[in-house]
Amino acid sequence: MGLKYVAAYLMSVLAGNDSPSAADIQKILESVESEYDEGIASKLVSELEGKTVHEVIAEGKEKLKGFGGGGGGGGFAAGGGGGGGAAAAGDAPAAEAKKEAV
């Protein structure tokens, strides 16, 4: 099922339609010149029939808790800045040595 159908369904709910139909999804998708498949929209509407979006999202959150938080690997170290700029007073001899080596 394409995410655009779910997005259109949720947009309809946000607009105040608590129980969007396949026709509502069609209207939204066609307004942005997107392809529309009646079968996909009808399946989505039938699976969500009798449920509120808030209930579905709450169920999904509970299911995701079973996956754990995962280690995620922490942050990464930022690379050093690119050269450029004036060298510090103590670095002047080193900068001159590099010029001579080139």
C-alpha atoms as a PDB file:
ATOM      1  CA  MET A   1       0.000   0.000   0.000  1.00  0.00           C
ATOM      2  CA  GLY A   2       1.391   3.361  -0.954  1.00  0.00           C
ATOM      3  CA  LEU A   3       2.063   5.925   1.713  1.00  0.00           C
ATOM      4  CA  LYS A   4       0.195   8.522  -0.327  1.00  0.00           C
ATOM      5  CA  TYR A   5      -3.107   6.753   0.425  1.00  0.00           C
ATOM      6  CA  VAL A   6      -2.440   6.835   4.155  1.00  0.00           C
ATOM      7  CA  ALA A   7      -1.363  10.477   3.912  1.00  0.00           C
ATOM      8  CA  ALA A   8      -4.537  11.387   2.016  1.00  0.00           C
ATOM      9  CA  TYR A   9      -6.624   9.538   4.621  1.00  0.00           C
ATOM     10  CA  LEU A  10      -4.901  11.417   7.454  1.00  0.00           C
ATOM     11  CA  MET A  11      -5.297  14.745   5.646  1.00  0.00           C
ATOM     12  CA  SER A  12      -9.011  14.093   5.396  1.00  0.00           C
ATOM     13  CA  VAL A  13      -9.170  13.298   9.117  1.00  0.00           C
ATOM     14  CA  LEU A  14      -7.268  16.491   9.941  1.00  0.00           C
ATOM     15  CA  ALA A  15      -9.779  18.408   7.846  1.00  0.00           C
ATOM     16  CA  GLY A  16     -12.542  17.162  10.167  1.00  0.00           C
ATOM     17  CA  ASN A  17     -13.753  14.005   8.415  1.00  0.00           C
ATOM     18  CA  ASP A  18     -13.577  11.325  11.118  1.00  0.00           C
ATOM     19  CA  SER A  19     -14.364   8.496   8.714  1.00  0.00           C
ATOM     20  CA  PRO A  20     -12.980   9.220   5.217  1.00  0.00           C
ATOM     21  CA  SER A  21     -14.231   7.166   2.280  1.00  0.00           C
ATOM     22  CA  ALA A  22     -12.350   5.940  -0.771  1.00  0.00           C
ATOM     23  CA  ALA A  23     -13.964   8.827  -2.669  1.00  0.00           C
ATOM     24  CA  ASP A  24     -12.440  11.296  -0.194  1.00  0.00           C
ATOM     25  CA  ILE A  25      -9.008   9.789  -0.757  1.00  0.00           C
ATOM     26  CA  GLN A  26      -9.574   9.900  -4.502  1.00  0.00           C
ATOM     27  CA  LYS A  27     -10.514  13.577  -4.371  1.00  0.00           C
ATOM     28  CA  ILE A  28      -7.349  14.447  -2.451  1.00  0.00           C
ATOM     29  CA  LEU A  29      -5.012  12.413  -4.649  1.00  0.00           C
ATOM     30  CA  GLU A  30      -6.517  13.664  -7.880  1.00  0.00           C
ATOM     31  CA  SER A  31      -6.250  17.262  -6.654  1.00  0.00           C
ATOM     32  CA  VAL A  32      -2.474  16.870  -6.862  1.00  0.00           C
ATOM     33  CA  GLU A  33      -2.647  14.917 -10.134  1.00  0.00           C
ATOM     34  CA  SER A  34      -1.528  11.681  -8.481  1.00  0.00           C
ATOM     35  CA  GLU A  35      -2.452   8.238  -9.738  1.00  0.00           C
ATOM     36  CA  TYR A  36      -5.339   6.580  -7.905  1.00  0.00           C
ATOM     37  CA  ASP A  37      -6.132   2.904  -7.411  1.00  0.00           C
ATOM     38  CA  GLU A  38      -9.645   2.173  -6.137  1.00  0.00           C
ATOM     39  CA  GLY A  39      -8.572  -1.211  -4.738  1.00  0.00           C
ATOM     40  CA  ILE A  40      -5.858   0.226  -2.516  1.00  0.00           C
ATOM     41  CA  ALA A  41      -8.050   3.035  -1.208  1.00  0.00           C
ATOM     42  CA  SER A  42     -10.964   0.685  -0.524  1.00  0.00           C
ATOM     43  CA  LYS A  43      -8.699  -1.754   1.328  1.00  0.00           C
ATOM     44  CA  LEU A  44      -7.341   1.041   3.517  1.00  0.00           C
ATOM     45  CA  VAL A  45     -10.810   2.366   4.325  1.00  0.00           C
ATOM     46  CA  SER A  46     -12.126  -1.110   5.147  1.00  0.00           C
ATOM     47  CA  GLU A  47      -9.171  -1.883   7.431  1.00  0.00           C
ATOM     48  CA  LEU A  48      -9.694   1.363   9.335  1.00  0.00           C
ATOM     49  CA  GLU A  49     -13.478   1.128   9.463  1.00  0.00           C
ATOM     50  CA  GLY A  50     -14.791   1.553  13.006  1.00  0.00           C
ATOM     51  CA  LYS A  51     -11.428   2.783  14.331  1.00  0.00           C
ATOM     52  CA  THR A  52     -10.254   6.271  15.072  1.00  0.00           C
ATOM     53  CA  VAL A  53      -6.885   7.461  13.856  1.00  0.00           C
ATOM     54  CA  HIS A  54      -5.828   8.075  17.444  1.00  0.00           C
ATOM     55  CA  GLU A  55      -6.551   4.438  18.359  1.00  0.00           C
ATOM     56  CA  VAL A  56      -4.577   3.152  15.379  1.00  0.00           C
ATOM     57  CA  ILE A  57      -1.594   5.356  16.205  1.00  0.00           C
ATOM     58  CA  ALA A  58      -1.688   4.307  19.865  1.00  0.00           C
ATOM     59  CA  GLU A  59      -1.748   0.614  18.849  1.00  0.00           C
ATOM     60  CA  GLY A  60       1.197   1.200  16.547  1.00  0.00           C
ATOM     61  CA  LYS A  61       3.204   2.859  19.292  1.00  0.00           C
ATOM     62  CA  GLU A  62       2.573  -0.100  21.591  1.00  0.00           C
ATOM     63  CA  LYS A  63       3.762  -2.508  18.888  1.00  0.00           C
ATOM     64  CA  LEU A  64       6.920  -0.464  18.321  1.00  0.00           C
ATOM     65  CA  LYS A  65       7.810  -0.720  22.000  1.00  0.00           C
ATOM     66  CA  GLY A  66       8.416  -4.427  21.426  1.00  0.00           C
ATOM     67  CA  PHE A  67      11.283  -3.605  19.102  1.00  0.00           C
ATOM     68  CA  GLY A  68      13.216  -1.925  21.885  1.00  0.00           C
ATOM     69  CA  GLY A  69      15.132   1.283  21.684  1.00  0.00           C
ATOM     70  CA  GLY A  70      18.121  -0.085  19.846  1.00  0.00           C
ATOM     71  CA  GLY A  71      21.623   1.071  20.579  1.00  0.00           C
ATOM     72  CA  GLY A  72      21.709   3.694  17.893  1.00  0.00           C
ATOM     73  CA  GLY A  73      25.471   4.073  18.218  1.00  0.00           C
ATOM     74  CA  GLY A  74      25.585   7.522  19.811  1.00  0.00           C
ATOM     75  CA  GLY A  75      26.744  10.668  18.121  1.00  0.00           C
ATOM     76  CA  PHE A  76      29.588  11.003  15.717  1.00  0.00           C
ATOM     77  CA  ALA A  77      32.648  13.153  16.113  1.00  0.00           C
ATOM     78  CA  ALA A  78      32.613  16.245  14.000  1.00  0.00           C
ATOM     79  CA  GLY A  79      35.532  16.539  11.645  1.00  0.00           C
ATOM     80  CA  GLY A  80      38.045  19.268  12.155  1.00  0.00           C
ATOM     81  CA  GLY A  81      37.555  22.504  10.358  1.00  0.00           C
ATOM     82  CA  GLY A  82      39.211  23.007   7.012  1.00  0.00           C
ATOM     83  CA  GLY A  83      42.492  24.850   7.048  1.00  0.00           C
ATOM     84  CA  GLY A  84      42.604  28.463   6.000  1.00  0.00           C
ATOM     85  CA  GLY A  85      42.722  31.463   8.193  1.00  0.00           C
ATOM     86  CA  ALA A  86      45.812  32.942   9.747  1.00  0.00           C
ATOM     87  CA  ALA A  87      48.197  30.667  11.569  1.00  0.00           C
ATOM     88  CA  ALA A  88      48.836  31.236  15.260  1.00  0.00           C
ATOM     89  CA  ALA A  89      51.976  33.160  16.188  1.00  0.00           C
ATOM     90  CA  GLY A  90      53.746  30.000  17.346  1.00  0.00           C
ATOM     91  CA  ASP A  91      52.986  28.220  14.037  1.00  0.00           C
ATOM     92  CA  ALA A  92      54.733  30.716  11.770  1.00  0.00           C
ATOM     93  CA  PRO A  93      58.014  28.734  11.453  1.00  0.00           C
ATOM     94  CA  ALA A  94      56.085  25.545  10.649  1.00  0.00           C
ATOM     95  CA  ALA A  95      54.129  27.330   7.918  1.00  0.00           C
ATOM     96  CA  GLU A  96      57.360  28.654   6.391  1.00  0.00           C
ATOM     97  CA  ALA A  97      58.898  25.173   6.468  1.00  0.00           C
ATOM     98  CA  LYS A  98      55.913  23.824   4.500  1.00  0.00           C
ATOM     99  CA  LYS A  99      56.361  26.547   1.874  1.00  0.00           C
ATOM    100  CA  GLU A 100      60.013  25.612   1.415  1.00  0.00           C
ATOM    101  CA  ALA A 101      59.180  21.903   1.144  1.00  0.00           C
ATOM    102  CA  VAL A 102      56.765  22.551  -1.736  1.00  0.00           C
END
